[in-house]
Amino acid sequence: QVQLVENGGGLAQAGGSLRLSCAASERTFRGTTVGWFRQAPGKLREYVGHITWNDGRTRYADSVKGRFTLSRDGAENTVYLQMNSLKPEDTAVYYCASSPWTGPGVATTNAYDYWGQGTQVTVSS
C-alpha cells in the first residue's frame, strides 16, 4: 500500500513562509505527477499546483502563482511546496497526491489515486 506523508504545516503570520514536504513510501514518484490541493473549512478541495516528476515542470493555481514554488528531490523521493508571502486565505488543510497521469486533467482531484493524510496550515493576520 502506497503511503504519502506530508510534513511542514503549522502556524505562520501573514507575509511569512512555510515549506511542506510530501514523501512516498513503497513507491517512487518516477513517471507520476504530484499534486497539491487544499481544503478550507466549509469549502471544496481546491487545486494548488502540480509537478511532473520526470521533467520537473510545474503549474500553479492563479491564487498562489508567484508565491508558491514546487520542487522535487530525487534522492529523497520527496516533493516540496515552498509557500511565501502567505495570506490568511491560504489557511487550509493541504494534501499531496500522486497521479499516474502527466497530461491534461491533473488539476482535478479525480486524476489522483493516492493521497496523503493532510497537514494543517494556519496563517494569522
N, C-alpha and C. Protein backbone atom coordinates (compact mmCIF):
# COMPACT_ATOMS: atom_id res chain seq x y z
N GLN A 1 0.85 -1.18 0.00
CA GLN A 1 0.00 0.00 0.00
C GLN A 1 0.89 1.23 0.00
N VAL A 2 0.68 2.08 -0.99
CA VAL A 2 1.45 3.32 -1.08
C VAL A 2 0.96 4.31 -0.05
N GLN A 3 1.91 4.91 0.62
CA GLN A 3 1.55 5.96 1.58
C GLN A 3 2.28 7.23 1.21
N LEU A 4 1.55 8.33 1.23
CA LEU A 4 2.14 9.65 1.06
C LEU A 4 2.07 10.35 2.40
N VAL A 5 3.17 10.93 2.81
CA VAL A 5 3.25 11.56 4.12
C VAL A 5 3.66 13.02 3.94
N GLU A 6 2.78 13.91 4.41
CA GLU A 6 3.08 15.33 4.35
C GLU A 6 3.66 15.78 5.70
N ASN A 7 4.54 16.74 5.62
CA ASN A 7 5.08 17.37 6.82
C ASN A 7 5.28 18.86 6.55
N GLY A 8 5.41 19.61 7.62
CA GLY A 8 5.78 21.00 7.48
C GLY A 8 4.68 22.01 7.72
N GLY A 9 3.48 21.56 7.97
CA GLY A 9 2.42 22.51 8.25
C GLY A 9 2.62 23.18 9.60
N GLY A 10 1.82 24.17 9.85
CA GLY A 10 1.91 24.87 11.12
C GLY A 10 1.29 26.24 11.05
N LEU A 11 1.73 27.08 11.95
CA LEU A 11 1.19 28.43 12.06
C LEU A 11 2.21 29.42 11.52
N ALA A 12 1.75 30.36 10.72
CA ALA A 12 2.60 31.42 10.20
C ALA A 12 1.84 32.74 10.23
N GLN A 13 2.58 33.80 10.27
CA GLN A 13 1.96 35.11 10.17
C GLN A 13 1.81 35.50 8.71
N ALA A 14 0.88 36.38 8.45
CA ALA A 14 0.73 36.88 7.08
C ALA A 14 2.05 37.49 6.61
N GLY A 15 2.41 37.13 5.39
CA GLY A 15 3.69 37.56 4.85
C GLY A 15 4.82 36.60 5.11
N GLY A 16 4.57 35.61 5.94
CA GLY A 16 5.60 34.65 6.29
C GLY A 16 5.67 33.49 5.31
N SER A 17 6.46 32.49 5.69
CA SER A 17 6.71 31.36 4.81
C SER A 17 6.59 30.04 5.57
N LEU A 18 6.25 29.02 4.83
CA LEU A 18 6.28 27.65 5.31
C LEU A 18 6.70 26.77 4.15
N ARG A 19 7.30 25.63 4.47
CA ARG A 19 7.63 24.66 3.44
C ARG A 19 7.02 23.32 3.80
N LEU A 20 6.22 22.81 2.91
CA LEU A 20 5.61 21.50 3.08
C LEU A 20 6.39 20.47 2.29
N SER A 21 6.39 19.26 2.78
CA SER A 21 7.03 18.17 2.05
C SER A 21 6.06 17.02 1.89
N CYS A 22 6.30 16.24 0.87
CA CYS A 22 5.47 15.07 0.58
C CYS A 22 6.40 13.94 0.18
N ALA A 23 6.43 12.90 0.99
CA ALA A 23 7.29 11.75 0.71
C ALA A 23 6.43 10.52 0.50
N ALA A 24 6.92 9.64 -0.35
CA ALA A 24 6.18 8.42 -0.67
C ALA A 24 6.93 7.21 -0.13
N SER A 25 6.17 6.31 0.45
CA SER A 25 6.75 5.03 0.87
C SER A 25 6.30 3.95 -0.10
N GLU A 26 7.10 2.95 -0.26
CA GLU A 26 6.76 1.79 -1.09
C GLU A 26 6.60 2.11 -2.57
N ARG A 27 7.01 3.31 -2.97
CA ARG A 27 6.81 3.67 -4.36
C ARG A 27 7.67 4.88 -4.70
N THR A 28 8.19 4.89 -5.91
CA THR A 28 8.89 6.06 -6.38
C THR A 28 7.91 6.98 -7.11
N PHE A 29 8.21 8.26 -7.10
CA PHE A 29 7.38 9.21 -7.82
C PHE A 29 7.70 9.22 -9.32
N ARG A 30 8.70 8.45 -9.73
CA ARG A 30 9.11 8.47 -11.12
C ARG A 30 7.94 8.15 -12.05
N GLY A 31 7.76 8.97 -13.06
CA GLY A 31 6.69 8.72 -14.02
C GLY A 31 5.33 9.25 -13.59
N THR A 32 5.27 9.91 -12.46
CA THR A 32 3.98 10.38 -11.96
C THR A 32 3.93 11.90 -11.92
N THR A 33 2.75 12.38 -11.63
CA THR A 33 2.54 13.79 -11.31
C THR A 33 2.19 13.87 -9.83
N VAL A 34 2.81 14.79 -9.15
CA VAL A 34 2.49 15.01 -7.74
C VAL A 34 1.77 16.35 -7.62
N GLY A 35 0.59 16.29 -7.12
CA GLY A 35 -0.22 17.48 -7.00
C GLY A 35 -0.43 17.88 -5.55
N TRP A 36 -0.72 19.15 -5.36
CA TRP A 36 -1.09 19.67 -4.04
C TRP A 36 -2.47 20.29 -4.15
N PHE A 37 -3.27 19.99 -3.16
CA PHE A 37 -4.60 20.55 -3.05
C PHE A 37 -4.76 21.08 -1.63
N ARG A 38 -5.76 21.90 -1.44
CA ARG A 38 -6.05 22.38 -0.10
C ARG A 38 -7.55 22.47 0.11
N GLN A 39 -7.93 22.37 1.38
CA GLN A 39 -9.35 22.43 1.71
C GLN A 39 -9.53 23.23 2.98
N ALA A 40 -10.25 24.32 2.85
CA ALA A 40 -10.59 25.16 3.99
C ALA A 40 -11.94 24.70 4.53
N PRO A 41 -12.22 24.99 5.80
CA PRO A 41 -13.50 24.57 6.39
C PRO A 41 -14.68 25.07 5.58
N GLY A 42 -15.59 24.16 5.28
CA GLY A 42 -16.79 24.52 4.56
C GLY A 42 -16.61 24.73 3.07
N LYS A 43 -15.42 24.46 2.57
CA LYS A 43 -15.16 24.67 1.15
C LYS A 43 -14.73 23.37 0.48
N LEU A 44 -14.83 23.37 -0.83
CA LEU A 44 -14.39 22.22 -1.59
C LEU A 44 -12.86 22.17 -1.65
N ARG A 45 -12.36 20.98 -1.85
CA ARG A 45 -10.91 20.84 -2.02
C ARG A 45 -10.51 21.50 -3.34
N GLU A 46 -9.49 22.34 -3.28
CA GLU A 46 -9.10 23.07 -4.47
C GLU A 46 -7.65 22.80 -4.85
N TYR A 47 -7.41 22.90 -6.12
CA TYR A 47 -6.09 22.68 -6.69
C TYR A 47 -5.14 23.82 -6.33
N VAL A 48 -3.93 23.46 -5.96
CA VAL A 48 -2.89 24.44 -5.67
C VAL A 48 -1.82 24.43 -6.76
N GLY A 49 -1.37 23.26 -7.12
CA GLY A 49 -0.34 23.16 -8.16
C GLY A 49 0.10 21.72 -8.32
N HIS A 50 0.93 21.49 -9.34
CA HIS A 50 1.46 20.16 -9.52
C HIS A 50 2.83 20.20 -10.16
N ILE A 51 3.56 19.13 -10.00
CA ILE A 51 4.88 18.98 -10.61
C ILE A 51 4.94 17.62 -11.30
N THR A 52 5.42 17.62 -12.51
CA THR A 52 5.62 16.37 -13.23
C THR A 52 7.00 15.86 -12.86
N TRP A 53 7.05 14.70 -12.25
CA TRP A 53 8.29 14.25 -11.65
C TRP A 53 9.43 14.13 -12.66
N ASN A 54 9.18 13.54 -13.80
CA ASN A 54 10.28 13.22 -14.72
C ASN A 54 10.99 14.44 -15.27
N ASP A 55 10.24 15.52 -15.55
CA ASP A 55 10.90 16.68 -16.14
C ASP A 55 10.84 17.92 -15.25
N GLY A 56 10.15 17.81 -14.12
CA GLY A 56 10.12 18.92 -13.18
C GLY A 56 9.24 20.08 -13.57
N ARG A 57 8.44 19.91 -14.60
CA ARG A 57 7.55 21.00 -15.00
C ARG A 57 6.50 21.23 -13.92
N THR A 58 6.15 22.47 -13.73
CA THR A 58 5.19 22.85 -12.69
C THR A 58 4.10 23.73 -13.26
N ARG A 59 2.96 23.68 -12.60
CA ARG A 59 1.86 24.60 -12.88
C ARG A 59 1.21 24.94 -11.56
N TYR A 60 0.61 26.13 -11.50
CA TYR A 60 0.03 26.61 -10.26
C TYR A 60 -1.34 27.22 -10.49
N ALA A 61 -2.14 27.18 -9.45
CA ALA A 61 -3.39 27.92 -9.47
C ALA A 61 -3.07 29.41 -9.46
N ASP A 62 -3.94 30.19 -10.06
CA ASP A 62 -3.71 31.64 -10.11
C ASP A 62 -3.59 32.24 -8.71
N SER A 63 -4.29 31.66 -7.76
CA SER A 63 -4.31 32.22 -6.41
C SER A 63 -2.96 32.11 -5.70
N VAL A 64 -2.08 31.23 -6.16
CA VAL A 64 -0.79 31.05 -5.49
C VAL A 64 0.38 31.34 -6.41
N LYS A 65 0.12 31.60 -7.67
CA LYS A 65 1.19 31.82 -8.64
C LYS A 65 2.07 33.00 -8.21
N GLY A 66 3.35 32.78 -8.26
CA GLY A 66 4.29 33.81 -7.84
C GLY A 66 4.62 33.78 -6.36
N ARG A 67 3.87 33.03 -5.59
CA ARG A 67 4.12 32.94 -4.15
C ARG A 67 4.54 31.54 -3.73
N PHE A 68 4.00 30.54 -4.40
CA PHE A 68 4.29 29.15 -4.06
C PHE A 68 5.20 28.54 -5.14
N THR A 69 6.08 27.65 -4.71
CA THR A 69 7.00 27.01 -5.64
C THR A 69 7.11 25.53 -5.31
N LEU A 70 6.97 24.72 -6.33
CA LEU A 70 7.14 23.28 -6.18
C LEU A 70 8.52 22.86 -6.65
N SER A 71 9.08 21.89 -5.95
CA SER A 71 10.36 21.32 -6.36
C SER A 71 10.39 19.85 -5.95
N ARG A 72 11.38 19.15 -6.45
CA ARG A 72 11.48 17.72 -6.13
C ARG A 72 12.92 17.36 -5.82
N ASP A 73 13.06 16.33 -5.01
CA ASP A 73 14.38 15.81 -4.65
C ASP A 73 14.37 14.32 -4.95
N GLY A 74 15.08 13.95 -6.01
CA GLY A 74 15.07 12.56 -6.41
C GLY A 74 15.69 11.63 -5.40
N ALA A 75 16.75 12.08 -4.76
CA ALA A 75 17.43 11.23 -3.78
C ALA A 75 16.53 10.92 -2.59
N GLU A 76 15.70 11.88 -2.24
CA GLU A 76 14.80 11.71 -1.09
C GLU A 76 13.41 11.25 -1.49
N ASN A 77 13.17 11.20 -2.82
CA ASN A 77 11.83 10.84 -3.31
C ASN A 77 10.78 11.70 -2.62
N THR A 78 11.02 12.99 -2.65
CA THR A 78 10.19 13.93 -1.91
C THR A 78 9.89 15.14 -2.80
N VAL A 79 8.68 15.64 -2.65
CA VAL A 79 8.27 16.88 -3.31
C VAL A 79 8.08 17.94 -2.24
N TYR A 80 8.53 19.15 -2.55
CA TYR A 80 8.41 20.27 -1.62
C TYR A 80 7.50 21.34 -2.19
N LEU A 81 6.73 21.93 -1.30
CA LEU A 81 5.91 23.09 -1.64
C LEU A 81 6.37 24.24 -0.76
N GLN A 82 7.11 25.15 -1.36
CA GLN A 82 7.56 26.35 -0.65
C GLN A 82 6.50 27.42 -0.77
N MET A 83 6.02 27.89 0.36
CA MET A 83 4.93 28.87 0.38
C MET A 83 5.46 30.16 0.98
N ASN A 84 5.52 31.19 0.19
CA ASN A 84 5.98 32.50 0.62
C ASN A 84 4.85 33.51 0.56
N SER A 85 5.06 34.63 1.20
CA SER A 85 4.05 35.71 1.19
C SER A 85 2.68 35.18 1.54
N LEU A 86 2.63 34.40 2.59
CA LEU A 86 1.38 33.75 2.97
C LEU A 86 0.31 34.77 3.34
N LYS A 87 -0.92 34.40 3.04
CA LYS A 87 -2.07 35.23 3.34
C LYS A 87 -3.04 34.45 4.22
N PRO A 88 -3.86 35.13 4.99
CA PRO A 88 -4.85 34.40 5.81
C PRO A 88 -5.73 33.47 4.98
N GLU A 89 -6.01 33.83 3.75
CA GLU A 89 -6.85 32.98 2.91
C GLU A 89 -6.14 31.72 2.44
N ASP A 90 -4.86 31.58 2.74
CA ASP A 90 -4.15 30.33 2.47
C ASP A 90 -4.39 29.30 3.56
N THR A 91 -5.06 29.69 4.62
CA THR A 91 -5.35 28.76 5.71
C THR A 91 -6.22 27.61 5.21
N ALA A 92 -5.73 26.40 5.42
CA ALA A 92 -6.44 25.21 4.94
C ALA A 92 -5.65 23.97 5.36
N VAL A 93 -6.26 22.83 5.16
CA VAL A 93 -5.52 21.58 5.22
C VAL A 93 -4.96 21.32 3.83
N TYR A 94 -3.67 21.07 3.76
CA TYR A 94 -3.00 20.85 2.49
C TYR A 94 -2.73 19.36 2.30
N TYR A 95 -3.05 18.89 1.11
CA TYR A 95 -2.89 17.49 0.77
C TYR A 95 -1.98 17.34 -0.45
N CYS A 96 -1.09 16.37 -0.39
CA CYS A 96 -0.39 15.99 -1.61
C CYS A 96 -1.01 14.71 -2.14
N ALA A 97 -0.86 14.50 -3.43
CA ALA A 97 -1.46 13.35 -4.08
C ALA A 97 -0.61 12.96 -5.27
N SER A 98 -0.72 11.71 -5.64
CA SER A 98 0.05 11.17 -6.76
C SER A 98 -0.89 10.68 -7.85
N SER A 99 -0.54 11.04 -9.07
CA SER A 99 -1.35 10.64 -10.22
C SER A 99 -0.46 9.92 -11.24
N PRO A 100 -0.98 8.87 -11.86
CA PRO A 100 -0.21 8.21 -12.92
C PRO A 100 -0.23 9.00 -14.23
N TRP A 101 -1.04 10.05 -14.27
CA TRP A 101 -1.18 10.83 -15.49
C TRP A 101 -0.24 12.02 -15.48
N THR A 102 0.17 12.41 -16.66
CA THR A 102 1.03 13.58 -16.79
C THR A 102 0.46 14.59 -17.76
N GLY A 103 -0.70 14.29 -18.30
CA GLY A 103 -1.28 15.18 -19.29
C GLY A 103 -2.34 16.08 -18.70
N PRO A 104 -3.21 16.59 -19.54
CA PRO A 104 -4.29 17.46 -19.07
C PRO A 104 -5.18 16.73 -18.07
N GLY A 105 -5.77 17.49 -17.20
CA GLY A 105 -6.69 16.91 -16.23
C GLY A 105 -6.10 16.73 -14.85
N VAL A 106 -4.80 16.99 -14.69
CA VAL A 106 -4.19 16.77 -13.38
C VAL A 106 -4.45 17.91 -12.42
N ALA A 107 -5.27 18.85 -12.80
CA ALA A 107 -5.69 19.89 -11.87
C ALA A 107 -6.98 19.51 -11.16
N THR A 108 -7.44 18.31 -11.38
CA THR A 108 -8.67 17.85 -10.73
C THR A 108 -8.36 16.69 -9.81
N THR A 109 -9.13 16.58 -8.75
CA THR A 109 -8.88 15.52 -7.76
C THR A 109 -9.07 14.14 -8.36
N ASN A 110 -9.93 14.02 -9.36
CA ASN A 110 -10.21 12.70 -9.94
C ASN A 110 -8.99 12.05 -10.58
N ALA A 111 -7.99 12.85 -10.91
CA ALA A 111 -6.81 12.32 -11.58
C ALA A 111 -5.86 11.60 -10.64
N TYR A 112 -6.09 11.70 -9.34
CA TYR A 112 -5.13 11.22 -8.34
C TYR A 112 -5.63 9.97 -7.64
N ASP A 113 -4.72 9.01 -7.49
CA ASP A 113 -5.13 7.75 -6.87
C ASP A 113 -4.57 7.54 -5.47
N TYR A 114 -3.56 8.28 -5.10
CA TYR A 114 -3.04 8.17 -3.75
C TYR A 114 -2.97 9.57 -3.13
N TRP A 115 -3.36 9.63 -1.86
CA TRP A 115 -3.42 10.91 -1.15
C TRP A 115 -2.72 10.79 0.19
N GLY A 116 -2.14 11.90 0.61
CA GLY A 116 -1.61 11.97 1.95
C GLY A 116 -2.71 12.27 2.95
N GLN A 117 -2.32 12.31 4.21
CA GLN A 117 -3.30 12.50 5.29
C GLN A 117 -3.65 13.96 5.50
N GLY A 118 -2.88 14.85 4.92
CA GLY A 118 -3.14 16.27 5.06
C GLY A 118 -2.34 16.89 6.19
N THR A 119 -1.99 18.15 6.02
CA THR A 119 -1.30 18.89 7.07
C THR A 119 -1.91 20.28 7.15
N GLN A 120 -2.14 20.72 8.37
CA GLN A 120 -2.83 21.99 8.59
C GLN A 120 -1.86 23.16 8.43
N VAL A 121 -2.29 24.14 7.67
CA VAL A 121 -1.57 25.41 7.54
C VAL A 121 -2.52 26.51 8.01
N THR A 122 -2.06 27.28 8.98
CA THR A 122 -2.86 28.38 9.51
C THR A 122 -2.06 29.66 9.41
N VAL A 123 -2.64 30.65 8.75
CA VAL A 123 -1.97 31.94 8.57
C VAL A 123 -2.76 33.00 9.31
N SER A 124 -2.10 33.64 10.25
CA SER A 124 -2.76 34.67 11.05
C SER A 124 -2.50 36.05 10.44
N SER A 125 -3.46 36.91 10.63
CA SER A 125 -3.34 38.27 10.06
C SER A 125 -2.64 39.21 11.02
